[in-house]
Protein backbone atom coordinates (compact mmCIF):
# COMPACT_ATOMS: atom_id res chain seq x y z
CA MET A 1 20.75 20.73 3.24
CA LYS A 2 23.82 20.61 5.47
CA ARG A 3 26.73 22.68 4.16
CA LYS A 4 29.85 20.77 3.19
CA PRO A 5 33.12 21.98 4.74
CA LEU A 6 34.95 24.33 2.37
CA VAL A 7 38.64 23.65 1.73
CA VAL A 8 40.89 26.13 -0.09
CA LEU A 9 44.18 25.07 -1.69
CA GLY A 10 46.60 27.84 -2.54
CA LEU A 11 50.25 28.74 -3.05
CA LEU A 12 51.96 31.22 -0.75
CA GLY A 13 52.72 34.45 -2.60
CA PRO A 14 56.24 35.57 -1.56
CA MET A 15 55.55 39.10 -2.82
CA LEU A 16 51.79 39.64 -2.35
CA ASP A 17 51.55 37.78 0.96
CA ASN A 18 54.72 39.33 2.37
CA GLY A 19 54.72 41.58 5.42
CA ARG A 20 56.01 41.65 9.01
CA GLY A 21 55.22 43.65 12.07
CA ALA A 22 52.03 45.62 12.66
CA GLU A 23 52.25 47.29 9.26
CA ARG A 24 51.40 44.04 7.53
CA TRP A 25 47.78 44.55 8.57
CA GLU A 26 47.74 47.80 6.61
CA ARG A 27 48.34 46.10 3.27
CA TRP A 28 46.29 43.68 1.18
CA ARG A 29 47.56 40.13 1.42
CA PRO A 30 45.42 37.88 -0.83
CA THR A 31 45.86 34.62 1.10
CA VAL A 32 44.87 36.26 4.38
CA ALA A 33 42.18 38.44 2.78
CA LEU A 34 40.46 35.43 1.22
CA CYS A 35 39.57 34.21 4.72
CA GLN A 36 38.16 37.59 5.77
CA HIS A 37 35.04 37.51 3.60
CA GLU A 38 31.92 36.95 5.69
CA GLU A 39 30.14 35.37 2.72
CA LEU A 40 32.94 32.83 2.20
CA LEU A 41 33.49 30.63 5.25
CA VAL A 42 36.76 28.73 4.81
CA ASP A 43 36.93 25.68 7.07
CA ARG A 44 40.43 24.61 6.07
CA PHE A 45 43.26 26.24 4.13
CA GLU A 46 45.90 23.97 2.60
CA LEU A 47 48.81 26.39 2.14
CA LEU A 48 51.61 25.27 -0.19
CA TYR A 49 54.98 27.01 0.07
CA GLN A 50 58.56 26.75 -1.15
CA PRO A 51 61.15 25.75 1.50
CA ARG A 52 62.96 29.10 1.42
CA PHE A 53 59.75 30.91 2.43
CA THR A 54 59.09 28.84 5.56
CA THR A 55 59.18 31.86 7.89
CA LEU A 56 56.61 33.76 5.82
CA ALA A 57 54.40 30.64 5.61
CA LYS A 58 54.36 30.40 9.40
CA ILE A 59 53.45 34.08 9.75
CA VAL A 60 50.53 33.74 7.31
CA SER A 61 49.36 30.49 8.97
CA THR A 62 49.29 32.35 12.30
CA ASP A 63 47.53 35.44 10.91
CA ILE A 64 44.64 33.59 9.25
CA PRO A 65 43.18 32.16 12.50
CA ARG A 66 43.37 35.64 14.04
CA ILE A 67 40.86 37.00 11.52
CA SER A 68 39.04 33.69 10.88
CA PRO A 69 39.13 31.49 14.03
CA GLU A 70 37.10 28.75 12.31
CA THR A 71 39.78 28.24 9.65
CA ASP A 72 42.27 25.40 10.17
CA VAL A 73 45.52 26.16 8.32
CA ARG A 74 47.76 23.30 7.22
CA LEU A 75 51.19 23.87 5.71
CA HIS A 76 52.63 21.79 2.86
CA GLU A 77 56.20 22.21 1.67
CA VAL A 78 56.56 21.73 -2.09
CA ALA A 79 59.95 21.28 -3.69
CA ILE A 80 60.02 24.09 -6.27
CA ASP A 81 63.44 25.61 -6.79
CA ASP A 82 62.50 27.80 -9.78
CA ALA A 83 58.91 29.11 -9.78
CA TRP A 84 59.25 29.90 -13.51
CA ASP A 85 60.29 26.38 -14.56
CA PHE A 86 57.06 24.93 -15.97
CA ALA A 87 58.12 21.27 -15.78
CA ALA A 88 59.35 21.60 -12.20
CA VAL A 89 56.29 23.51 -11.00
CA TYR A 90 53.79 21.24 -12.73
CA GLY A 91 55.60 18.13 -11.46
CA ALA A 92 55.61 19.35 -7.85
CA LEU A 93 51.94 20.38 -7.90
CA HIS A 94 50.96 17.17 -9.71
CA ASP A 95 52.72 15.13 -7.01
CA PHE A 96 50.81 17.03 -4.33
CA ALA A 97 47.50 16.42 -6.12
CA ARG A 98 48.23 12.69 -6.35
CA SER A 99 49.16 12.37 -2.69
CA TYR A 100 46.35 14.50 -1.26
CA ARG A 101 43.24 12.63 -0.10
CA PHE A 102 40.27 14.36 -1.74
CA ILE A 103 36.77 13.42 -0.56
CA PRO A 104 34.48 15.34 -2.96
CA GLU A 105 31.28 13.81 -1.60
CA ARG A 106 32.09 15.25 1.85
CA GLU A 107 34.00 18.47 1.13
CA ASP A 108 33.95 21.33 -1.40
CA TYR A 109 37.26 22.54 -2.78
CA LEU A 110 38.49 25.86 -4.15
CA VAL A 111 41.90 26.47 -5.75
CA HIS A 112 43.27 29.99 -5.17
CA ILE A 113 45.02 31.18 -8.36
CA THR A 114 45.89 34.76 -7.42
CA THR A 115 49.22 34.08 -5.71
CA GLY A 116 52.38 32.49 -7.04
CA SER A 117 54.07 33.00 -10.41
CA HIS A 118 52.11 33.00 -13.66
CA VAL A 119 53.55 29.54 -14.32
CA SER A 120 52.18 28.32 -11.01
CA GLN A 121 48.76 29.76 -11.79
CA ILE A 122 48.70 28.06 -15.19
CA CYS A 123 49.67 24.74 -13.63
CA LEU A 124 46.93 25.04 -11.01
CA PHE A 125 44.44 25.80 -13.79
CA LEU A 126 45.50 22.73 -15.80
CA LEU A 127 45.38 20.43 -12.79
CA THR A 128 41.90 21.68 -11.93
CA GLU A 129 40.65 21.41 -15.50
CA SER A 130 41.86 17.81 -15.75
CA ARG A 131 40.23 16.97 -12.39
CA TYR A 132 43.45 16.04 -10.65
CA LEU A 133 42.24 18.79 -8.34
CA PRO A 134 38.45 18.21 -8.04
CA ALA A 135 37.72 21.86 -7.37
CA ARG A 136 36.53 25.20 -8.64
CA LEU A 137 38.86 28.16 -9.03
CA VAL A 138 38.75 31.25 -6.83
CA GLN A 139 40.38 34.54 -7.78
CA THR A 140 40.89 37.51 -5.45
CA ALA A 141 41.42 41.18 -6.26
CA PRO A 142 42.83 44.07 -4.18
CA PRO A 143 40.46 46.55 -2.58
CA SER A 144 39.21 49.67 -4.25
CA ARG A 145 38.93 52.96 -2.40
CA GLU A 146 35.35 52.15 -1.43
CA ARG A 147 36.20 48.78 0.15
CA GLY A 148 38.25 47.71 3.13
CA MET A 149 41.36 45.57 3.10
CA THR A 150 39.50 42.38 2.17
CA GLY A 151 39.17 43.25 -1.50
CA SER A 152 36.91 41.04 -3.61
CA PHE A 153 36.78 37.46 -4.82
CA SER A 154 35.13 35.51 -7.64
CA ILE A 155 34.56 31.77 -7.99
CA ILE A 156 35.10 30.32 -11.44
CA ASP A 157 33.47 27.18 -12.83
CA LEU A 158 35.55 26.06 -15.77
CA ASP A 159 33.64 26.21 -19.05
CA LEU A 160 35.79 24.14 -21.39
CA SER A 161 33.83 25.30 -24.44
CA LYS A 162 35.76 28.56 -24.17
CA TYR A 163 39.10 26.82 -24.53
CA ASP A 164 39.15 24.75 -27.70
CA ALA A 165 42.52 23.11 -27.15
CA LEU A 166 41.76 22.14 -23.56
CA ALA A 167 38.28 21.04 -24.50
CA SER A 168 39.71 18.83 -27.23
CA ARG A 169 42.21 17.23 -24.84
CA PHE A 170 39.51 16.71 -22.22
CA GLN A 171 37.17 15.16 -24.80
CA GLN A 172 39.96 12.86 -25.98
CA GLN A 173 40.48 11.75 -22.39
CA LYS A 174 36.77 10.95 -22.10
CA VAL A 175 36.85 8.98 -25.37
CA GLU A 176 39.85 7.02 -24.14
CA GLY A 177 38.07 6.34 -20.84
CA LYS A 178 34.97 5.01 -22.59
CA SER A 179 37.05 2.84 -24.90
CA PHE A 180 38.92 1.48 -21.88
CA LEU A 181 35.67 0.54 -20.14
CA LYS A 182 34.65 -1.40 -23.26
CA GLY A 183 37.98 -3.22 -23.39
CA GLY A 184 38.87 -1.41 -26.61
CA ILE A 185 35.98 -3.11 -28.43
CA GLN A 186 34.25 -0.91 -31.01
CA THR A 187 30.75 -1.77 -29.84
CA ARG A 188 27.83 -0.84 -32.10
CA SER A 189 24.86 -1.05 -29.74
CA LYS A 190 23.61 2.52 -29.23
CA ALA A 191 21.97 1.67 -25.91
CA PHE A 192 25.12 -0.03 -24.57
CA ASN A 193 27.38 2.80 -25.73
CA ALA A 194 25.10 5.38 -24.08
CA MET A 195 25.26 3.41 -20.82
CA ILE A 196 29.08 3.26 -20.97
CA ASP A 197 29.16 7.04 -21.54
CA GLN A 198 27.24 7.55 -18.29
CA ILE A 199 29.32 5.00 -16.37
CA GLU A 200 32.52 6.80 -17.43
CA GLN A 201 31.16 10.11 -16.19
CA VAL A 202 29.94 8.68 -12.88
CA ALA A 203 33.02 6.55 -12.24
CA THR A 204 35.42 9.48 -12.64
CA SER A 205 33.43 12.03 -10.63
CA SER A 206 31.82 10.10 -7.77
CA ARG A 207 32.82 7.78 -4.96
CA SER A 208 29.24 6.68 -4.29
CA PRO A 209 28.37 2.97 -4.66
CA LEU A 210 27.75 1.56 -8.13
CA LEU A 211 25.28 -1.28 -8.72
CA LEU A 212 25.88 -3.42 -11.82
CA MET A 213 22.93 -5.63 -12.72
CA GLY A 214 22.37 -8.14 -15.49
CA PRO A 215 22.41 -11.86 -16.26
CA THR A 216 25.35 -14.13 -15.54
CA GLY A 217 28.00 -13.79 -18.22
CA ALA A 218 26.99 -10.26 -19.25
CA GLY A 219 30.38 -8.88 -18.15
CA LYS A 220 29.77 -7.36 -14.72
CA SER A 221 33.07 -8.55 -13.24
CA GLN A 222 35.09 -7.36 -16.21
CA LEU A 223 33.40 -3.96 -16.14
CA ALA A 224 34.05 -3.60 -12.39
CA ARG A 225 37.75 -4.27 -12.95
CA ARG A 226 37.92 -1.73 -15.76
CA ILE A 227 36.16 0.90 -13.64
CA TYR A 228 38.79 0.37 -10.96
CA GLU A 229 41.65 0.59 -13.46
CA LEU A 230 40.18 3.77 -14.94
CA LYS A 231 39.88 5.40 -11.51
CA LYS A 232 43.41 4.32 -10.65
CA SER A 233 44.79 5.79 -13.87
CA ARG A 234 43.11 9.09 -12.95
CA ARG A 235 44.72 8.95 -9.47
CA GLN A 236 41.30 8.72 -7.85
CA VAL A 237 42.08 5.59 -5.83
CA GLU A 238 45.34 4.48 -4.27
CA GLY A 239 44.38 1.13 -2.79
CA LYS A 240 43.75 -2.15 -4.52
CA LEU A 241 40.70 -3.83 -6.01
CA VAL A 242 39.26 -6.49 -3.71
CA GLU A 243 36.82 -8.90 -5.37
CA VAL A 244 34.55 -11.41 -3.66
CA ASN A 245 31.63 -13.52 -4.84
CA CYS A 246 29.10 -13.29 -2.04
CA ALA A 247 27.59 -16.63 -3.09
CA THR A 248 30.75 -18.28 -1.71
CA LEU A 249 30.31 -16.72 1.75
CA ARG A 250 28.30 -18.92 4.07
CA GLY A 251 27.58 -19.14 7.79
CA ASP A 252 29.93 -17.71 10.42
CA GLY A 253 32.73 -17.48 7.89
CA ALA A 254 30.92 -14.75 5.95
CA MET A 255 31.15 -12.20 8.76
CA SER A 256 34.79 -13.01 9.39
CA ALA A 257 35.76 -12.90 5.72
CA LEU A 258 34.17 -9.50 5.16
CA PHE A 259 34.75 -7.67 8.42
CA GLY A 260 37.59 -9.65 10.00
CA HIS A 261 37.85 -11.03 13.51
CA VAL A 262 40.08 -10.86 16.55
CA ARG A 263 41.91 -13.76 18.04
CA GLY A 264 39.65 -15.91 20.18
CA ALA A 265 36.42 -14.55 18.67
CA PHE A 266 35.26 -18.12 18.04
CA THR A 267 36.61 -21.64 18.07
CA GLY A 268 39.49 -21.86 15.63
CA ALA A 269 40.19 -18.11 15.57
CA ASN A 270 43.84 -18.50 16.56
CA THR A 271 45.00 -15.25 14.96
CA ASP A 272 43.55 -11.87 14.03
CA ARG A 273 42.07 -11.49 10.56
CA SER A 274 41.77 -8.06 8.91
CA GLY A 275 38.93 -8.92 6.51
CA LEU A 276 38.14 -7.88 2.96
CA LEU A 277 36.71 -4.45 3.79
CA ARG A 278 39.95 -3.37 5.43
CA ALA A 279 41.94 -4.83 2.55
CA ALA A 280 40.01 -2.50 0.24
CA ASP A 281 40.90 0.63 2.25
CA GLY A 282 41.70 3.43 -0.20
CA GLY A 283 40.58 1.28 -3.12
CA VAL A 284 37.52 -0.47 -4.50
CA LEU A 285 35.50 -3.36 -3.05
CA PHE A 286 33.60 -5.39 -5.64
CA LEU A 287 30.88 -7.55 -4.08
CA ASP A 288 29.55 -9.78 -6.83
CA GLU A 289 26.16 -11.45 -6.27
CA ILE A 290 25.48 -9.11 -3.36
CA GLY A 291 21.95 -10.50 -3.15
CA GLU A 292 23.40 -13.68 -1.63
CA LEU A 293 24.65 -11.90 1.51
CA GLY A 294 22.94 -12.76 4.78
CA LEU A 295 20.84 -10.15 6.57
CA ASP A 296 23.38 -9.71 9.39
CA GLU A 297 26.18 -9.08 6.92
CA GLN A 298 23.93 -6.65 5.03
CA ALA A 299 23.37 -4.61 8.20
CA MET A 300 27.11 -4.44 8.89
CA LEU A 301 27.83 -3.52 5.28
CA LEU A 302 25.29 -0.69 5.35
CA ARG A 303 27.01 0.90 8.34
CA ALA A 304 30.43 0.44 6.78
CA ILE A 305 29.26 2.24 3.62
CA GLU A 306 27.62 5.12 5.47
CA GLU A 307 30.07 5.66 8.32
CA ARG A 308 33.28 4.13 6.93
CA ARG A 309 33.70 2.14 10.15
CA PHE A 310 32.63 -1.21 11.56
CA LEU A 311 33.33 -3.76 14.30
CA PRO A 312 35.35 -6.86 13.44
CA HIS A 313 33.84 -10.08 14.79
CA GLY A 314 34.57 -10.40 18.50
CA SER A 315 36.10 -6.92 18.84
CA ASP A 316 34.90 -3.96 20.90
CA ARG A 317 37.03 -1.49 18.93
CA GLU A 318 35.87 -0.06 15.62
CA VAL A 319 38.11 0.04 12.58
CA LYS A 320 37.94 2.38 9.58
CA SER A 321 38.06 1.68 5.88
CA GLU A 322 37.64 4.24 3.09
CA PHE A 323 36.57 2.20 0.08
CA GLN A 324 34.27 2.63 -2.89
CA LEU A 325 31.72 -0.15 -3.32
CA ILE A 326 30.80 -1.72 -6.63
CA ALA A 327 28.04 -4.31 -6.25
CA GLY A 328 27.00 -6.86 -8.83
CA THR A 329 23.88 -9.00 -9.04
CA ASN A 330 21.87 -11.10 -11.46
CA ALA A 331 18.97 -11.24 -9.00
CA LYS A 332 15.94 -8.96 -8.77
CA LEU A 333 16.78 -7.21 -5.52
CA GLN A 334 13.37 -5.55 -5.27
CA SER A 335 11.78 -8.99 -5.23
CA ARG A 336 14.18 -10.09 -2.52
CA VAL A 337 13.25 -7.03 -0.47
CA ARG A 338 9.58 -8.02 -0.69
CA GLU A 339 10.51 -11.54 0.37
CA GLY A 340 12.45 -10.25 3.38
CA ARG A 341 15.77 -11.56 2.02
CA PHE A 342 17.38 -8.19 1.30
CA ARG A 343 17.38 -5.02 3.38
CA GLU A 344 15.43 -2.17 1.84
CA ASP A 345 17.73 0.46 3.37
CA LEU A 346 20.81 -1.21 1.91
CA LEU A 347 19.22 -1.37 -1.54
CA ALA A 348 18.35 2.32 -1.30
CA ARG A 349 21.99 3.10 -0.40
CA ILE A 350 23.59 1.12 -3.25
CA ASN A 351 20.97 1.97 -5.86
CA LEU A 352 22.04 5.59 -6.40
CA TRP A 353 23.92 4.65 -9.56
CA SER A 354 22.56 1.42 -11.05
CA PHE A 355 23.29 0.08 -14.52
CA THR A 356 21.82 -3.01 -16.18
CA LEU A 357 24.18 -4.79 -18.54
CA PRO A 358 22.21 -6.30 -21.43
CA ALA A 359 22.39 -9.96 -22.38
CA LEU A 360 24.26 -10.91 -25.55
CA CYS A 361 20.90 -11.66 -27.20
CA ASP A 362 20.06 -7.97 -26.81
CA ARG A 363 23.38 -6.90 -28.37
CA ARG A 364 23.61 -9.07 -31.46
CA GLU A 365 25.10 -6.16 -33.42
CA ASP A 366 28.09 -6.37 -31.07
CA ILE A 367 28.82 -10.03 -31.76
CA GLU A 368 31.16 -9.36 -34.69
CA PRO A 369 33.47 -6.85 -32.90
CA ASN A 370 33.54 -9.20 -29.90
CA ILE A 371 34.62 -12.06 -32.16
CA ASP A 372 37.57 -9.97 -33.35
CA TYR A 373 38.36 -9.04 -29.74
CA GLU A 374 38.35 -12.69 -28.65
CA LEU A 375 40.61 -13.71 -31.54
CA GLU A 376 43.01 -10.94 -30.60
CA ARG A 377 43.00 -12.02 -26.98
CA TYR A 378 43.60 -15.63 -28.02
CA ALA A 379 46.64 -14.50 -30.01
CA LEU A 380 48.03 -12.59 -27.03
CA GLU A 381 47.53 -15.52 -24.65
CA THR A 382 48.83 -18.30 -26.90
CA GLY A 383 51.11 -16.54 -29.35
CA ASP A 384 49.14 -18.08 -32.25
CA ARG A 385 47.25 -15.72 -34.56
CA VAL A 386 44.05 -17.26 -35.90
CA VAL A 387 41.60 -15.82 -38.44
CA LEU A 388 38.14 -16.70 -39.74
CA ASN A 389 38.03 -17.04 -43.51
CA LYS A 390 35.29 -15.12 -45.28
CA GLU A 391 32.86 -18.03 -45.68
CA ALA A 392 33.40 -19.21 -42.10
CA ARG A 393 32.86 -15.71 -40.69
CA GLU A 394 29.63 -15.27 -42.65
CA ALA A 395 28.35 -18.69 -41.56
CA PHE A 396 29.07 -18.09 -37.88
CA LEU A 397 27.64 -14.57 -37.90
CA ARG A 398 24.50 -15.77 -39.68
CA PHE A 399 23.96 -18.30 -36.91
CA ALA A 400 25.08 -16.05 -34.03
CA ARG A 401 22.68 -13.26 -35.00
CA SER A 402 19.71 -15.52 -35.67
CA PRO A 403 16.83 -15.87 -33.15
CA GLY A 404 17.74 -19.54 -32.78
CA ALA A 405 21.07 -18.65 -31.14
CA LEU A 406 20.05 -18.49 -27.49
CA TRP A 407 23.41 -17.46 -25.95
CA THR A 408 22.18 -18.55 -22.53
CA GLY A 409 25.67 -18.11 -21.10
CA ASN A 410 26.00 -14.71 -22.78
CA PHE A 411 29.59 -13.63 -23.45
CA ARG A 412 30.95 -16.71 -21.69
CA ASP A 413 29.35 -18.83 -24.42
CA LEU A 414 30.85 -16.64 -27.14
CA THR A 415 34.31 -16.63 -25.57
CA ALA A 416 34.27 -20.41 -25.20
CA ALA A 417 33.09 -20.87 -28.80
CA ILE A 418 35.88 -18.69 -30.24
CA THR A 419 38.49 -20.39 -28.05
CA ARG A 420 37.39 -23.85 -29.17
CA MET A 421 37.36 -22.92 -32.87
CA ALA A 422 40.74 -21.17 -32.65
CA THR A 423 42.28 -24.18 -30.90
CA LEU A 424 41.03 -26.55 -33.62
CA ALA A 425 42.08 -24.29 -36.51
CA SER A 426 44.86 -25.83 -38.56
CA GLY A 427 47.20 -23.40 -40.25
CA GLY A 428 45.71 -20.52 -38.28
CA ARG A 429 42.44 -20.42 -40.24
CA ILE A 430 38.99 -21.34 -38.93
CA SER A 431 37.11 -23.16 -41.68
CA VAL A 432 33.41 -23.59 -42.43
CA GLY A 433 33.67 -27.17 -41.17
CA ILE A 434 34.96 -26.02 -37.77
CA VAL A 435 32.18 -23.43 -37.59
CA SER A 436 29.53 -26.06 -38.41
CA SER A 437 30.81 -28.34 -35.66
CA GLU A 438 30.81 -25.49 -33.14
CA ILE A 439 27.27 -24.49 -34.05
CA ALA A 440 26.14 -28.06 -33.46
CA ARG A 441 27.93 -28.09 -30.11
CA LEU A 442 26.27 -24.85 -28.99
CA GLU A 443 22.81 -25.97 -30.08
CA SER A 444 23.23 -29.26 -28.24
CA SER A 445 24.36 -27.46 -25.09
CA TRP A 446 21.44 -25.05 -25.19
CA LYS A 447 19.01 -27.91 -25.80
CA GLN A 448 20.29 -29.66 -22.67
CA ASP A 449 19.74 -26.44 -20.72
CA ALA A 450 16.23 -26.20 -22.11
CA ASP A 451 15.53 -29.82 -21.18
CA LEU A 452 16.62 -29.11 -17.61
CA ASP A 453 14.44 -26.00 -17.52
CA ALA A 454 11.53 -28.09 -18.72
CA GLY A 455 12.01 -30.52 -15.83
CA VAL A 456 9.07 -28.98 -13.99
CA SER A 457 5.93 -30.84 -15.07
CA THR A 458 3.60 -29.06 -17.45
CA VAL A 459 0.71 -29.36 -15.01
CA ASP A 460 2.75 -27.75 -12.21
CA GLN A 461 3.64 -24.80 -14.45
CA LEU A 462 0.07 -24.24 -15.55
CA HIS A 463 -1.28 -24.54 -12.01
CA GLU A 464 0.60 -21.35 -11.19
CA LEU A 465 -1.45 -19.46 -13.78
CA LEU A 466 -4.78 -21.26 -14.23
CA ASP A 467 -7.30 -22.91 -11.93
CA GLU A 468 -8.27 -26.59 -12.06
CA SER A 469 -11.36 -26.09 -14.20
CA ALA A 470 -9.43 -24.08 -16.80
CA ILE A 471 -6.68 -26.73 -17.01
CA ALA A 472 -9.26 -29.52 -17.29
CA GLY A 473 -10.74 -27.77 -20.32
CA ILE A 474 -7.42 -27.87 -22.22
CA ASP A 475 -6.52 -30.95 -24.26
CA PRO A 476 -3.38 -32.75 -22.99
CA PHE A 477 -1.66 -31.98 -26.32
CA ASP A 478 -2.37 -28.26 -25.93
CA ARG A 479 -1.20 -28.33 -22.30
CA VAL A 480 2.29 -29.40 -23.40
CA GLN A 481 2.42 -26.66 -26.01
CA LEU A 482 1.12 -23.99 -23.63
CA ALA A 483 3.62 -25.01 -20.94
CA GLU A 484 6.47 -24.59 -23.43
CA VAL A 485 5.16 -21.15 -24.39
CA VAL A 486 5.04 -20.18 -20.71
CA ARG A 487 8.62 -21.41 -20.21
CA VAL A 488 9.92 -19.32 -23.12
CA CYS A 489 7.99 -16.24 -21.93
CA ARG A 490 9.58 -16.53 -18.52
CA LYS A 491 13.05 -16.65 -20.02
CA SER A 492 12.40 -13.61 -22.23
CA ARG A 493 12.62 -9.95 -21.38
CA THR A 494 9.87 -8.77 -23.68
CA LEU A 495 6.86 -10.09 -25.56
CA SER A 496 8.67 -9.46 -28.85
CA GLU A 497 11.70 -11.48 -27.76
CA ALA A 498 9.50 -14.40 -26.72
CA GLY A 499 7.70 -14.23 -30.06
CA ARG A 500 10.96 -14.30 -32.01
CA LEU A 501 12.09 -17.41 -30.18
CA LEU A 502 8.78 -19.25 -30.48
CA PHE A 503 8.26 -18.49 -34.17
CA SER A 504 11.90 -18.49 -35.33
CA ALA A 505 11.30 -21.08 -38.05
CA SER A 506 7.92 -20.09 -39.45
CA ARG A 507 8.76 -16.39 -39.48
CA LEU A 508 11.37 -17.01 -42.21
CA GLU A 509 8.62 -18.05 -44.63
CA ARG A 510 6.61 -14.82 -44.24
CA ARG A 511 7.36 -11.41 -45.76
CA SER A 512 5.96 -9.43 -42.85
CA VAL A 513 5.97 -10.64 -39.28
CA ASN A 514 4.51 -9.49 -36.01
CA ASP A 515 5.60 -12.17 -33.57
CA ALA A 516 4.50 -10.18 -30.55
CA ASP A 517 0.92 -9.86 -31.80
CA ARG A 518 0.84 -13.52 -32.80
CA LEU A 519 1.97 -14.61 -29.32
CA LYS A 520 -0.40 -12.16 -27.64
CA LYS A 521 -3.37 -13.66 -29.49
CA TYR A 522 -2.26 -17.21 -28.66
CA LEU A 523 -2.06 -16.45 -24.92
CA ALA A 524 -5.44 -14.70 -25.02
CA ARG A 525 -7.06 -18.01 -26.07
CA PHE A 526 -6.30 -19.25 -22.55
CA GLY A 527 -7.02 -15.98 -20.75
CA LEU A 528 -3.32 -15.23 -20.22
CA ARG A 529 -1.13 -12.17 -20.75
CA PHE A 530 2.66 -12.02 -21.07
CA GLU A 531 2.92 -9.51 -18.21
CA SER A 532 1.01 -11.75 -15.80
CA ILE A 533 3.19 -14.75 -16.64
CA VAL A 534 6.41 -12.84 -15.96
CA ARG A 535 4.97 -11.17 -12.83
CA GLN A 536 3.93 -14.55 -11.44
CA GLN A 537 7.50 -15.79 -11.78
CA SER A 538 9.08 -12.79 -10.02
């Protein structure tokens, strides 16, 4: 594997690094000595110094290349008047950390904590522990009698378990980050919470692309925005969030919208256009429904992700853009690759970190906290606080958690339902009557969706799975029933989910149920299996 360039960040030590004339080579100077170790190749040294030690900083920056020609030394003046003033030192180093452009996926970083005052060393430790400096620590020691002037060094990976107070603060920061990604909602789904835990860890430690998958309305756009806000709060991005729904990009305009164009590139191009990728420089680009991009745009996007550069439409000069990509899709991209509609190399590039957001039907335990969240949001937006009385809450939850509640629009359906009920609530209280009306509205809406889904003739659906002789041997009555079973199976993620939907009424009359087995036996009567039905659709 190719070695990443090694970058060292360190403070000039006015006492330890001091020395002029030829005699300076006879003493141990930790900043210079660090670059003398054959087993530690330093590609770049970012040397921070106080203004009054400018002369010494220039001497050290000249000496390092003499003993390590491959090391590029860059000087940074930091405004520290009193090296023992904790607030001043931490503030100056924090400002440097915020302004410095770290690229952890391309470079490795070490923070030298041997030089500077004890206060400075503590501040560097804290900034590294909190990941404002995405680095490991390196400590140097003077030579013993048996060693030359280089001395020794040790690299330290922070083990927070050794520092209870710091570990507690770091853990609290992680908890706050996870809560932020969930919008402050106290979600109860173990699987969803585990996924958010991983997203928080990845989002704050990687700039690689993220792929958010899941059905429409599952919350991909909201999660992408929260990931951006979390990274921005941690000073990991400086630019803005640029969002675009790829389904709205069509024809020649797609290339121009994404990558920009130069004046005269095509008819109507009267001025230059920078494009969305350049607008996202230093920030995050969220491409929702990325599966809708054309193949030409996919090829350009792949190069922009890998090389951080691309050609605007009609230009012969490349432009650069350092952005992190978050992609969203409700499509099965692997299927589109097989169909030749999506590039396999692009999928491989964006699929490093992929997360599938579950449908609301798969998170019914989270419906109640989301109801409270929506009521709170309604109060913030309108200034009117609305509550569900006890009977109304129980009635709505009983319906919302039942197998008969399809939630085809996922959280969009739930948000709309709460908004409608809150708007109709007189005196700020949602009654059982309002809940009953909303349930009827939802059921009617879902029935219309089902009727549209059933628009394909029963014979056409069955022809995809059975041959003519098999269909001819099924009574017309049974064909209608079988076609409905096939339709429900294709809308369901698992055999158990399909069984719950198909037997939602009769299952209430039985003490023990096994809907999956019941459905499996029904399909076997016609020589069908759930897996083959779903596979045929994809």
